[in-house]
N, C-alpha and C. Protein backbone atom coordinates (compact mmCIF):
# COMPACT_ATOMS: atom_id res chain seq x y z
N MET A 1 0.71 -1.26 -0.04
CA MET A 1 -0.02 0.05 0.04
C MET A 1 0.82 1.36 0.14
N LYS A 2 1.74 1.27 0.94
CA LYS A 2 2.69 2.35 0.93
C LYS A 2 3.55 2.67 -0.28
N ARG A 3 3.91 1.44 -0.98
CA ARG A 3 4.73 1.61 -2.26
C ARG A 3 3.77 2.26 -3.40
N LYS A 4 2.45 1.84 -3.32
CA LYS A 4 1.55 2.33 -4.30
C LYS A 4 1.42 3.77 -4.15
N ILE A 5 1.14 4.21 -2.92
CA ILE A 5 1.07 5.68 -2.56
C ILE A 5 2.31 6.35 -3.09
N PHE A 6 3.50 5.80 -2.82
CA PHE A 6 4.82 6.53 -3.09
C PHE A 6 4.83 6.55 -4.65
N LEU A 7 4.54 5.65 -5.39
CA LEU A 7 4.63 5.59 -6.89
C LEU A 7 3.57 6.65 -7.36
N LEU A 8 2.43 6.60 -6.70
CA LEU A 8 1.46 7.67 -7.19
C LEU A 8 2.03 9.17 -6.99
N PHE A 9 2.53 9.34 -5.93
CA PHE A 9 3.10 10.63 -5.52
C PHE A 9 4.18 10.86 -6.54
N MET A 10 5.17 10.03 -6.73
CA MET A 10 6.25 10.49 -7.65
C MET A 10 5.71 10.72 -9.17
N SER A 11 4.56 10.00 -9.50
CA SER A 11 4.01 10.09 -10.91
C SER A 11 3.35 11.56 -11.00
N LEU A 12 2.81 11.93 -9.93
CA LEU A 12 2.18 13.39 -9.89
C LEU A 12 3.30 14.41 -9.98
N ILE A 13 4.32 14.15 -9.27
CA ILE A 13 5.42 15.18 -9.32
C ILE A 13 6.08 15.28 -10.83
N MET A 14 6.33 14.06 -11.36
CA MET A 14 6.63 14.18 -12.74
C MET A 14 5.83 14.85 -13.69
N LEU A 15 4.52 14.56 -13.53
CA LEU A 15 3.50 15.23 -14.41
C LEU A 15 3.55 16.69 -14.22
N LEU A 16 3.63 17.19 -12.95
CA LEU A 16 3.63 18.62 -12.60
C LEU A 16 5.08 19.30 -13.33
N ASN A 17 6.08 18.56 -13.20
CA ASN A 17 7.34 19.12 -13.72
C ASN A 17 7.29 19.25 -15.24
N VAL A 18 6.62 18.08 -15.88
CA VAL A 18 6.70 18.21 -17.32
C VAL A 18 5.63 19.34 -17.78
N GLY A 19 4.64 19.45 -17.04
CA GLY A 19 3.56 20.53 -17.34
C GLY A 19 4.12 21.88 -17.22
N ILE A 20 4.89 22.14 -16.13
CA ILE A 20 5.52 23.48 -15.83
C ILE A 20 6.49 23.66 -16.91
N GLY A 21 7.46 22.66 -17.12
CA GLY A 21 8.44 22.89 -18.20
C GLY A 21 7.84 23.25 -19.52
N ASN A 22 6.69 22.57 -19.82
CA ASN A 22 6.11 23.00 -21.13
C ASN A 22 5.68 24.38 -21.09
N VAL A 23 5.05 24.90 -20.05
CA VAL A 23 4.52 26.26 -19.86
C VAL A 23 5.79 27.16 -20.16
N TYR A 24 6.86 26.97 -19.46
CA TYR A 24 7.95 27.82 -19.60
C TYR A 24 8.52 27.81 -21.01
N ALA A 25 8.60 26.60 -21.52
CA ALA A 25 9.08 26.51 -22.94
C ALA A 25 8.30 27.12 -23.92
N ASP A 26 6.85 27.05 -23.78
CA ASP A 26 6.05 27.74 -24.64
C ASP A 26 6.17 29.08 -24.57
N GLU A 27 6.16 29.68 -23.46
CA GLU A 27 6.30 31.11 -23.25
C GLU A 27 7.65 31.69 -23.82
N THR A 28 8.64 30.92 -23.61
CA THR A 28 9.90 31.39 -24.10
C THR A 28 9.91 31.39 -25.63
N GLY A 29 9.37 30.32 -26.24
CA GLY A 29 9.45 30.28 -27.64
C GLY A 29 8.51 31.17 -28.20
N LYS A 30 7.36 31.38 -27.62
CA LYS A 30 6.28 32.22 -28.09
C LYS A 30 6.70 33.63 -28.26
N ASN A 31 7.23 34.15 -27.36
CA ASN A 31 7.55 35.67 -27.42
C ASN A 31 8.65 36.09 -26.50
N ALA A 32 9.86 35.53 -26.60
CA ALA A 32 11.00 36.02 -25.83
C ALA A 32 11.33 37.36 -25.98
N LEU A 33 11.52 37.97 -24.91
CA LEU A 33 11.83 39.49 -24.77
C LEU A 33 10.66 40.41 -25.25
N ASN A 34 9.58 39.74 -25.63
CA ASN A 34 8.46 40.40 -26.31
C ASN A 34 8.89 41.18 -27.59
N PHE A 35 9.77 40.40 -28.27
CA PHE A 35 10.33 40.92 -29.48
C PHE A 35 9.39 41.05 -30.62
N ARG A 36 9.31 42.16 -31.22
CA ARG A 36 8.36 42.40 -32.28
C ARG A 36 8.91 43.34 -33.36
N LYS A 37 8.42 43.34 -34.53
CA LYS A 37 8.70 44.28 -35.65
C LYS A 37 7.64 45.23 -35.90
N ILE A 38 8.19 46.48 -35.93
CA ILE A 38 7.33 47.58 -36.23
C ILE A 38 7.85 48.52 -37.48
N TYR A 39 6.83 49.14 -37.93
CA TYR A 39 7.32 49.96 -39.16
C TYR A 39 7.20 51.43 -38.92
N LYS A 40 7.61 51.83 -37.77
CA LYS A 40 7.58 53.19 -37.55
C LYS A 40 8.96 53.63 -36.96
N GLU A 41 9.75 54.56 -37.42
CA GLU A 41 11.12 54.88 -37.05
C GLU A 41 11.01 55.34 -35.48
N HIS A 42 11.83 54.65 -34.67
CA HIS A 42 12.00 55.12 -33.37
C HIS A 42 12.64 56.46 -33.11
N ARG A 43 12.10 57.28 -32.43
CA ARG A 43 12.91 58.48 -32.18
C ARG A 43 12.75 58.56 -30.59
N THR A 44 13.98 59.10 -30.01
CA THR A 44 14.05 58.83 -28.68
C THR A 44 15.05 59.82 -28.01
N TYR A 45 14.92 60.06 -26.69
CA TYR A 45 15.91 60.78 -25.81
C TYR A 45 16.95 59.88 -25.39
N SER A 46 16.83 58.65 -25.42
CA SER A 46 17.80 57.67 -25.03
C SER A 46 19.03 57.66 -25.77
N SER A 47 20.07 57.25 -25.06
CA SER A 47 21.38 57.16 -25.87
C SER A 47 21.41 55.81 -26.66
N ALA A 48 22.44 55.79 -27.51
CA ALA A 48 22.54 54.62 -28.49
C ALA A 48 23.42 53.55 -27.85
N VAL A 49 23.15 52.37 -28.15
CA VAL A 49 23.98 51.28 -27.68
C VAL A 49 25.08 51.02 -28.69
N GLY A 50 24.91 51.01 -29.98
CA GLY A 50 25.92 50.70 -30.99
C GLY A 50 25.23 50.58 -32.39
N ILE A 51 26.07 50.29 -33.37
CA ILE A 51 25.52 50.05 -34.65
C ILE A 51 26.11 48.60 -35.25
N SER A 52 25.38 48.09 -36.13
CA SER A 52 25.74 46.76 -36.61
C SER A 52 25.30 46.74 -38.19
N ALA A 53 25.92 45.87 -39.00
CA ALA A 53 25.54 45.50 -40.40
C ALA A 53 25.40 44.25 -40.79
N ASN A 54 24.50 44.03 -41.71
CA ASN A 54 24.42 42.56 -42.25
C ASN A 54 24.94 42.46 -43.53
N SER A 55 24.95 41.21 -44.18
CA SER A 55 25.42 41.03 -45.56
C SER A 55 24.75 41.57 -46.60
N LEU A 56 23.41 41.95 -46.29
CA LEU A 56 22.72 42.53 -47.28
C LEU A 56 22.90 44.13 -47.52
N GLY A 57 23.65 44.56 -46.55
CA GLY A 57 24.05 46.06 -46.67
C GLY A 57 23.05 46.85 -45.75
N ASP A 58 22.11 46.28 -44.90
CA ASP A 58 21.45 46.93 -43.96
C ASP A 58 22.28 47.37 -42.71
N ILE A 59 21.95 48.37 -42.26
CA ILE A 59 22.63 48.94 -41.06
C ILE A 59 21.66 49.20 -40.06
N ALA A 60 22.00 48.96 -38.73
CA ALA A 60 21.10 49.06 -37.63
C ALA A 60 21.83 49.86 -36.45
N ILE A 61 20.88 50.67 -35.82
CA ILE A 61 21.43 51.27 -34.54
C ILE A 61 20.36 50.92 -33.46
N GLY A 62 21.02 50.50 -32.37
CA GLY A 62 20.18 50.12 -31.23
C GLY A 62 20.18 51.29 -30.13
N PHE A 63 19.18 51.35 -29.33
CA PHE A 63 19.01 52.32 -28.19
C PHE A 63 18.90 51.69 -26.94
N ASN A 64 19.19 52.47 -25.95
CA ASN A 64 19.15 51.93 -24.59
C ASN A 64 17.77 51.53 -24.02
N ASP A 65 16.65 52.42 -24.73
CA ASP A 65 15.29 52.00 -24.32
C ASP A 65 14.65 50.90 -25.08
N ASP A 66 15.61 49.97 -25.47
CA ASP A 66 15.07 48.51 -26.16
C ASP A 66 14.40 48.78 -27.47
N TYR A 67 15.03 49.57 -28.47
CA TYR A 67 14.62 49.50 -29.75
C TYR A 67 15.83 49.52 -30.73
N ILE A 68 15.56 48.87 -31.84
CA ILE A 68 16.65 48.90 -32.84
C ILE A 68 16.10 49.42 -34.17
N ASN A 69 16.58 50.42 -34.81
CA ASN A 69 16.11 50.81 -36.18
C ASN A 69 17.09 50.37 -37.11
N VAL A 70 16.36 49.90 -38.26
CA VAL A 70 17.23 49.27 -39.36
C VAL A 70 16.98 50.04 -40.68
N TYR A 71 18.19 50.45 -41.38
CA TYR A 71 18.06 51.19 -42.51
C TYR A 71 18.77 50.43 -43.69
N ASP A 72 18.39 50.78 -44.92
CA ASP A 72 19.06 50.22 -46.01
C ASP A 72 20.43 50.87 -46.34
N LYS A 73 21.30 50.38 -47.31
CA LYS A 73 22.57 50.98 -47.38
C LYS A 73 22.37 52.46 -47.94
N GLN A 74 21.30 52.83 -48.51
CA GLN A 74 21.20 54.24 -48.87
C GLN A 74 20.84 55.17 -47.63
N GLY A 75 20.41 54.60 -46.42
CA GLY A 75 20.19 55.32 -45.31
C GLY A 75 18.70 55.48 -45.07
N SER A 76 17.90 54.78 -45.92
CA SER A 76 16.49 55.03 -45.83
C SER A 76 15.93 53.92 -44.77
N PHE A 77 15.01 54.52 -43.88
CA PHE A 77 14.45 53.54 -42.85
C PHE A 77 13.64 52.42 -43.55
N LYS A 78 13.84 51.17 -42.96
CA LYS A 78 13.16 50.07 -43.32
C LYS A 78 12.08 49.69 -42.25
N TYR A 79 12.58 49.26 -41.07
CA TYR A 79 11.73 48.84 -39.93
C TYR A 79 12.48 48.91 -38.65
N SER A 80 11.83 48.75 -37.58
CA SER A 80 12.38 48.71 -36.16
C SER A 80 12.06 47.49 -35.55
N PHE A 81 12.91 47.15 -34.44
CA PHE A 81 12.49 46.08 -33.54
C PHE A 81 12.34 46.51 -32.22
N ALA A 82 11.32 46.32 -31.52
CA ALA A 82 10.95 46.59 -30.06
C ALA A 82 11.02 45.47 -29.33
N PHE A 83 11.46 45.64 -28.13
CA PHE A 83 11.66 44.43 -27.17
C PHE A 83 11.71 44.94 -25.81
N GLU A 84 11.91 44.02 -24.74
CA GLU A 84 12.03 44.29 -23.40
C GLU A 84 13.13 43.44 -22.87
N VAL A 85 14.22 44.12 -22.46
CA VAL A 85 15.47 43.49 -21.74
C VAL A 85 15.45 43.91 -20.41
N ASN A 86 15.81 43.07 -19.44
CA ASN A 86 15.91 43.38 -18.15
C ASN A 86 17.39 43.76 -17.86
N GLY A 87 17.63 45.18 -17.95
CA GLY A 87 18.90 45.62 -17.78
C GLY A 87 19.56 46.03 -19.06
N ASN A 88 20.81 46.10 -19.18
CA ASN A 88 21.58 46.49 -20.44
C ASN A 88 21.61 45.44 -21.41
N TYR A 89 21.96 45.68 -22.74
CA TYR A 89 22.13 44.60 -23.76
C TYR A 89 23.05 45.09 -24.68
N PHE A 90 23.52 44.06 -25.45
CA PHE A 90 24.34 44.23 -26.63
C PHE A 90 23.49 43.65 -27.83
N PHE A 91 23.84 44.07 -29.04
CA PHE A 91 23.26 43.37 -30.21
C PHE A 91 24.08 43.30 -31.49
N GLU A 92 23.84 42.54 -32.36
CA GLU A 92 24.68 42.50 -33.58
C GLU A 92 23.74 41.69 -34.61
N PHE A 93 24.13 41.88 -35.87
CA PHE A 93 23.77 40.84 -36.95
C PHE A 93 24.67 39.72 -36.89
N ASP A 94 24.11 38.38 -37.03
CA ASP A 94 25.03 37.23 -37.29
C ASP A 94 25.28 36.89 -38.64
N ASN A 95 26.05 35.90 -38.99
CA ASN A 95 26.43 35.49 -40.37
C ASN A 95 25.16 35.13 -41.15
N GLU A 96 23.94 34.77 -40.58
CA GLU A 96 22.75 34.53 -41.28
C GLU A 96 21.75 35.73 -41.20
N ASN A 97 22.29 37.00 -40.86
CA ASN A 97 21.42 38.11 -40.83
C ASN A 97 20.45 38.05 -39.79
N ASN A 98 20.51 37.21 -38.81
CA ASN A 98 19.60 37.35 -37.67
C ASN A 98 20.06 38.38 -36.80
N ILE A 99 19.09 38.98 -36.07
CA ILE A 99 19.35 39.92 -34.97
C ILE A 99 19.82 39.16 -33.60
N VAL A 100 20.86 39.37 -33.12
CA VAL A 100 21.31 38.72 -31.69
C VAL A 100 21.29 39.71 -30.76
N ILE A 101 20.45 39.33 -29.66
CA ILE A 101 20.33 40.25 -28.33
C ILE A 101 21.08 39.58 -27.34
N PHE A 102 22.04 40.20 -26.64
CA PHE A 102 22.74 39.77 -25.57
C PHE A 102 22.34 40.45 -24.33
N SER A 103 21.61 39.69 -23.45
CA SER A 103 21.20 40.30 -22.20
C SER A 103 22.28 40.24 -21.19
N VAL A 104 22.84 41.43 -20.74
CA VAL A 104 23.96 41.43 -19.75
C VAL A 104 23.71 40.80 -18.34
N THR A 105 22.27 41.09 -17.99
CA THR A 105 21.84 40.57 -16.75
C THR A 105 21.85 39.11 -16.52
N ASP A 106 21.47 38.41 -17.54
CA ASP A 106 21.44 37.01 -17.28
C ASP A 106 22.31 36.16 -18.20
N GLY A 107 23.09 36.89 -19.09
CA GLY A 107 24.05 36.18 -19.99
C GLY A 107 23.48 35.31 -21.00
N MET A 108 22.25 35.72 -21.40
CA MET A 108 21.57 35.01 -22.51
C MET A 108 21.77 35.72 -23.75
N ARG A 109 21.87 34.93 -24.95
CA ARG A 109 21.89 35.43 -26.28
C ARG A 109 20.55 34.84 -26.97
N TYR A 110 19.82 35.80 -27.46
CA TYR A 110 18.54 35.59 -28.22
C TYR A 110 18.68 35.77 -29.68
N TYR A 111 18.44 34.73 -30.50
CA TYR A 111 18.53 35.02 -31.99
C TYR A 111 17.25 35.14 -32.68
N PHE A 112 16.96 36.23 -33.27
CA PHE A 112 15.79 36.40 -34.06
C PHE A 112 15.86 36.64 -35.53
N ASN A 113 15.00 36.17 -36.32
CA ASN A 113 15.09 36.31 -37.79
C ASN A 113 14.52 37.66 -38.14
N ASN A 114 14.46 37.87 -39.50
CA ASN A 114 13.96 39.09 -40.01
C ASN A 114 12.50 39.40 -39.61
N ASP A 115 11.77 38.41 -39.39
CA ASP A 115 10.27 38.50 -39.00
C ASP A 115 10.03 38.51 -37.52
N ALA A 116 11.22 38.61 -36.78
CA ALA A 116 11.06 38.84 -35.31
C ALA A 116 10.64 37.54 -34.66
N GLU A 117 11.00 36.47 -35.31
CA GLU A 117 10.68 35.04 -34.75
C GLU A 117 11.99 34.50 -34.06
N LEU A 118 11.72 33.94 -32.80
CA LEU A 118 12.96 33.40 -32.14
C LEU A 118 13.41 32.14 -32.74
N ILE A 119 14.73 32.23 -33.04
CA ILE A 119 15.29 31.13 -33.78
C ILE A 119 15.95 30.15 -32.52
N LYS A 120 16.64 30.65 -31.62
CA LYS A 120 17.29 29.92 -30.62
C LYS A 120 17.86 30.83 -29.50
N THR A 121 18.20 30.26 -28.51
CA THR A 121 18.72 30.92 -27.32
C THR A 121 20.14 30.22 -26.83
N GLU A 122 21.04 31.04 -26.30
CA GLU A 122 22.18 30.48 -25.79
C GLU A 122 22.50 31.18 -24.55
N LYS A 123 23.11 30.49 -23.61
CA LYS A 123 23.57 31.03 -22.30
C LYS A 123 25.18 30.97 -22.24
N ILE A 124 25.61 32.17 -22.15
CA ILE A 124 27.21 32.15 -21.83
C ILE A 124 27.30 31.99 -20.20
N SER A 125 27.74 30.89 -19.83
CA SER A 125 27.98 30.72 -18.30
C SER A 125 29.39 30.69 -17.94
N ASP A 126 30.30 30.35 -18.83
CA ASP A 126 31.64 30.33 -18.64
C ASP A 126 32.26 31.62 -18.32
N PRO A 127 32.80 32.01 -17.10
CA PRO A 127 33.29 33.43 -16.79
C PRO A 127 34.33 33.95 -17.85
N GLU A 128 35.12 32.97 -18.31
CA GLU A 128 36.32 33.46 -19.26
C GLU A 128 35.56 33.81 -20.63
N GLU A 129 34.63 33.10 -21.05
CA GLU A 129 33.93 33.37 -22.27
C GLU A 129 33.16 34.56 -22.27
N LEU A 130 32.66 34.85 -21.01
CA LEU A 130 31.93 36.01 -20.72
C LEU A 130 32.77 37.22 -20.79
N LYS A 131 33.91 37.13 -20.18
CA LYS A 131 34.95 38.25 -20.04
C LYS A 131 35.33 38.57 -21.62
N ASN A 132 35.68 37.68 -22.37
CA ASN A 132 36.11 37.91 -23.67
C ASN A 132 34.96 38.49 -24.62
N TYR A 133 33.68 38.00 -24.17
CA TYR A 133 32.54 38.70 -24.95
C TYR A 133 32.47 40.12 -24.63
N TYR A 134 32.54 40.48 -23.29
CA TYR A 134 32.45 41.82 -22.98
C TYR A 134 33.59 42.71 -23.63
N LYS A 135 34.81 42.11 -23.55
CA LYS A 135 36.02 42.81 -24.10
C LYS A 135 35.85 43.07 -25.64
N ASN A 136 35.29 42.11 -26.32
CA ASN A 136 35.15 42.28 -27.83
C ASN A 136 33.62 42.45 -28.20
N ARG A 137 32.90 43.22 -27.27
CA ARG A 137 31.53 43.28 -27.50
C ARG A 137 31.11 43.74 -29.01
N PRO A 138 30.07 43.19 -29.47
CA PRO A 138 29.98 43.31 -30.86
C PRO A 138 29.27 44.68 -31.44
N ASP A 139 28.81 45.42 -30.49
CA ASP A 139 28.26 46.73 -30.78
C ASP A 139 29.45 47.60 -31.30
N LYS A 140 29.34 48.30 -32.38
CA LYS A 140 30.53 49.19 -32.80
C LYS A 140 29.94 50.63 -33.01
N GLU A 141 30.83 51.55 -33.22
CA GLU A 141 30.72 52.83 -33.51
C GLU A 141 31.04 53.17 -35.00
N ASN A 142 31.75 52.17 -35.64
CA ASN A 142 32.21 52.40 -37.01
C ASN A 142 31.94 51.10 -37.72
N VAL A 143 31.34 51.04 -38.89
CA VAL A 143 31.18 49.97 -39.78
C VAL A 143 31.52 50.23 -41.29
N ASN A 144 32.25 49.57 -41.87
CA ASN A 144 32.59 49.91 -43.30
C ASN A 144 31.93 48.82 -44.15
N ILE A 145 31.15 49.21 -45.03
CA ILE A 145 30.39 48.37 -46.16
C ILE A 145 30.80 48.72 -47.62
N ASP A 146 31.58 47.98 -48.29
CA ASP A 146 31.96 48.29 -49.66
C ASP A 146 32.39 49.73 -49.74
N GLY A 147 33.44 50.07 -48.93
CA GLY A 147 33.95 51.52 -49.07
C GLY A 147 33.16 52.55 -48.37
N VAL A 148 31.96 52.32 -47.94
CA VAL A 148 31.12 53.35 -47.34
C VAL A 148 31.20 53.22 -45.81
N ASN A 149 31.49 54.18 -45.06
CA ASN A 149 31.72 54.13 -43.65
C ASN A 149 30.46 54.73 -42.90
N TYR A 150 30.12 53.88 -42.05
CA TYR A 150 28.89 54.31 -41.16
C TYR A 150 29.42 54.58 -39.80
N SER A 151 29.15 55.61 -39.13
CA SER A 151 29.63 55.95 -37.91
C SER A 151 28.62 56.49 -36.94
N LEU A 152 28.88 56.35 -35.57
CA LEU A 152 28.02 56.69 -34.55
C LEU A 152 28.69 57.55 -33.64
N LYS A 153 28.30 58.93 -33.56
CA LYS A 153 28.84 59.81 -32.57
C LYS A 153 27.75 60.29 -31.59
N GLN A 154 28.10 60.34 -30.30
CA GLN A 154 27.27 60.72 -29.29
C GLN A 154 28.14 61.45 -28.26
N VAL A 155 27.59 62.68 -27.80
CA VAL A 155 28.21 63.54 -26.83
C VAL A 155 27.20 64.21 -26.06
N LEU A 156 27.27 63.93 -24.72
CA LEU A 156 26.36 64.65 -23.77
C LEU A 156 24.90 64.45 -24.21
N GLY A 157 24.38 63.23 -24.77
CA GLY A 157 23.05 63.16 -25.00
C GLY A 157 22.76 63.24 -26.52
N TYR A 158 23.75 63.90 -27.31
CA TYR A 158 23.64 64.07 -28.72
C TYR A 158 24.08 62.98 -29.47
N ILE A 159 23.04 62.35 -30.37
CA ILE A 159 23.37 61.33 -31.25
C ILE A 159 23.41 61.78 -32.63
N LYS A 160 24.60 61.38 -33.43
CA LYS A 160 24.64 61.42 -34.79
C LYS A 160 24.99 60.11 -35.51
N PHE A 161 24.15 59.64 -36.28
CA PHE A 161 24.37 58.27 -36.97
C PHE A 161 24.48 58.69 -38.51
N ALA A 162 25.58 58.59 -39.20
CA ALA A 162 25.77 59.02 -40.47
C ALA A 162 26.61 58.16 -41.29
N LYS A 163 26.41 58.20 -42.65
CA LYS A 163 27.28 57.46 -43.56
C LYS A 163 28.22 58.40 -44.40
N THR A 164 29.39 58.08 -44.61
CA THR A 164 30.44 58.72 -45.47
C THR A 164 30.92 58.00 -46.63
N ASP A 165 30.75 58.42 -47.81
CA ASP A 165 31.04 57.65 -49.09
C ASP A 165 32.55 57.68 -49.24
N ALA A 166 33.11 57.06 -50.34
CA ALA A 166 34.46 57.11 -50.65
C ALA A 166 35.03 58.41 -50.94
N ASP A 167 34.14 59.37 -51.53
CA ASP A 167 34.54 60.59 -51.73
C ASP A 167 34.54 61.60 -50.67
N GLY A 168 34.20 61.13 -49.51
CA GLY A 168 34.05 62.04 -48.23
C GLY A 168 32.81 62.76 -48.08
N ASN A 169 31.73 62.38 -48.77
CA ASN A 169 30.57 62.98 -48.77
C ASN A 169 29.71 62.43 -47.63
N GLU A 170 29.27 63.24 -46.61
CA GLU A 170 28.58 62.70 -45.43
C GLU A 170 27.00 62.95 -45.63
N SER A 171 26.32 61.93 -45.20
CA SER A 171 24.84 62.11 -44.99
C SER A 171 24.29 61.58 -43.73
N VAL A 172 23.52 62.18 -43.05
CA VAL A 172 23.09 61.96 -41.83
C VAL A 172 21.82 60.89 -41.94
N ILE A 173 21.89 59.78 -41.27
CA ILE A 173 20.93 58.85 -41.24
C ILE A 173 19.89 59.01 -40.03
N TYR A 174 20.52 59.20 -38.93
CA TYR A 174 19.67 59.46 -37.65
C TYR A 174 20.42 60.59 -36.80
N GLU A 175 19.63 61.56 -36.36
CA GLU A 175 20.10 62.68 -35.41
C GLU A 175 19.04 62.90 -34.37
N THR A 176 19.55 63.32 -33.25
CA THR A 176 18.48 63.81 -32.24
C THR A 176 17.86 65.09 -32.43
N GLY A 177 18.51 65.92 -33.09
CA GLY A 177 17.89 67.30 -33.55
C GLY A 177 17.26 67.91 -32.42
N LEU A 178 15.94 68.28 -32.71
CA LEU A 178 15.03 68.97 -31.70
C LEU A 178 14.86 68.29 -30.39
N GLN A 179 14.93 66.98 -30.44
CA GLN A 179 14.79 66.26 -29.15
C GLN A 179 16.08 66.42 -28.29
N TYR A 180 17.26 66.62 -28.96
CA TYR A 180 18.32 67.04 -28.14
C TYR A 180 18.24 68.36 -27.44
N ALA A 181 17.77 69.31 -28.23
CA ALA A 181 17.57 70.71 -27.95
C ALA A 181 16.67 70.75 -26.66
N VAL A 182 15.52 69.85 -26.67
CA VAL A 182 14.48 69.99 -25.65
C VAL A 182 15.19 69.23 -24.38
N LYS A 183 15.85 68.22 -24.61
CA LYS A 183 16.61 67.54 -23.49
C LYS A 183 17.66 68.53 -22.93
N ALA A 184 18.37 69.13 -23.77
CA ALA A 184 19.40 70.08 -23.00
C ALA A 184 18.69 71.31 -22.43
N PHE A 185 17.56 71.68 -22.79
CA PHE A 185 16.91 72.76 -22.17
C PHE A 185 16.31 72.26 -20.82
N VAL A 186 15.86 71.11 -20.90
CA VAL A 186 15.30 70.57 -19.58
C VAL A 186 16.34 70.40 -18.50
N ALA A 187 17.51 69.93 -18.96
CA ALA A 187 18.75 69.71 -18.05
C ALA A 187 19.22 70.95 -17.55
N LEU A 188 19.32 71.98 -18.39
CA LEU A 188 19.75 73.25 -17.99
C LEU A 188 18.83 73.96 -16.97
N THR A 189 17.54 73.72 -17.28
CA THR A 189 16.47 74.35 -16.38
C THR A 189 16.52 73.64 -14.95
N VAL A 190 16.77 72.34 -14.87
CA VAL A 190 16.90 71.60 -13.70
C VAL A 190 18.13 72.10 -12.87
N LEU A 191 19.34 72.21 -13.68
CA LEU A 191 20.54 72.60 -13.13
C LEU A 191 20.40 74.12 -12.48
N ALA A 192 19.69 75.08 -13.28
CA ALA A 192 19.50 76.29 -12.88
C ALA A 192 18.70 76.41 -11.61
N PHE A 193 17.70 75.61 -11.41
CA PHE A 193 16.72 75.45 -10.25
C PHE A 193 17.55 74.92 -9.10
N LEU A 194 18.39 74.04 -9.33
CA LEU A 194 19.16 73.41 -8.32
C LEU A 194 20.18 74.49 -7.80
N ALA A 195 20.71 75.35 -8.60
CA ALA A 195 21.76 76.33 -8.38
C ALA A 195 20.98 77.40 -7.37
N ILE A 196 19.83 77.72 -7.84
CA ILE A 196 19.10 78.89 -7.06
C ILE A 196 18.78 78.20 -5.81
N VAL A 197 18.26 77.02 -5.60
CA VAL A 197 17.97 76.31 -4.24
C VAL A 197 19.22 76.31 -3.55
N ILE A 198 20.29 75.94 -4.04
CA ILE A 198 21.68 75.80 -3.23
C ILE A 198 22.08 77.20 -2.69
N CYS A 199 21.95 78.12 -3.61
CA CYS A 199 22.37 79.50 -3.29
C CYS A 199 21.48 80.15 -2.18
N GLY A 200 20.15 79.81 -2.27
CA GLY A 200 19.32 80.20 -1.19
C GLY A 200 19.65 79.70 0.13
N PHE A 201 19.96 78.29 0.12
CA PHE A 201 20.21 77.51 1.28
C PHE A 201 21.57 78.19 1.91
N ILE A 202 22.52 78.41 1.12
CA ILE A 202 23.76 79.01 1.66
C ILE A 202 23.47 80.31 2.10
N LYS A 203 22.65 81.19 1.58
CA LYS A 203 22.46 82.43 1.97
C LYS A 203 21.60 82.38 3.23
N THR A 204 20.77 81.43 3.52
CA THR A 204 19.95 81.36 4.80
C THR A 204 20.81 81.02 6.00
N ILE A 205 21.82 80.00 5.60
CA ILE A 205 22.69 79.52 6.64
C ILE A 205 23.69 80.79 7.13
N SER A 206 24.27 81.43 6.01
CA SER A 206 25.08 82.66 6.24
C SER A 206 24.33 83.75 7.19
N THR A 207 23.00 83.84 6.79
CA THR A 207 22.30 85.01 7.64
C THR A 207 22.11 84.40 9.06
N GLU A 208 21.76 83.18 9.24
CA GLU A 208 21.56 82.62 10.62
C GLU A 208 22.87 82.74 11.47
N MET A 209 23.99 82.26 10.77
CA MET A 209 25.25 82.37 11.48
C MET A 209 25.71 83.69 11.86
N LYS A 210 25.39 84.77 10.99
CA LYS A 210 25.66 86.10 11.28
C LYS A 210 24.98 86.54 12.48
N LYS A 211 23.58 86.13 12.66
CA LYS A 211 22.84 86.47 13.70
C LYS A 211 23.38 85.89 15.01
N TYR A 212 23.89 84.78 14.87
CA TYR A 212 24.37 83.96 15.89
C TYR A 212 25.58 84.74 16.53
N THR A 213 26.43 84.97 15.76
CA THR A 213 27.71 85.67 16.15
C THR A 213 27.49 87.10 16.60
N GLU A 214 26.40 87.74 16.21
CA GLU A 214 26.16 89.07 16.82
C GLU A 214 25.60 89.10 18.09
N VAL A 215 25.06 87.89 18.50
CA VAL A 215 24.46 87.74 19.84
C VAL A 215 25.61 87.87 20.99
């Protein structure tokens, strides 16, 4: 009797494990990172992660707020990828033109095809391999395709993503523009407010100390 109860109990545990495992597997395969393809160019206040190119001549720029814009070799917008990563990420095109997202938090690499479908996942668990991956991180600031140079420049929140042909002619693909001006204005306003508050605080303390010394 006890043996039958034990076997029944173990069978239930195995069924639960299989069921739970299938739920997690289905969720991961179904929509890992909530990765999706959209056809509106992402404009943002966020800084850029880097740029990457595939064998078709497409060039992509990734942003810290979990968006990647993809442009053709002429610099015209094609589509974007939107997703949700817990923490920082790197990205790149692999040899098969899939987008690879590396999640820094959990050391996972997610491979998605052009239709935003999950192809596979990999986990980098070896500390030495992880160290080398960070050292040679795929996100770049300069990419050369058939003599055309694509560069990413960002200073104090300003982003400029441009291409320069063999003759030195530059054309801007993505630039913060007005967004940067608004961001800078807000930052300066906040700094000015803090300066006024600090000056007022110092003046108050100075006045109180003066009263104290006169007593």
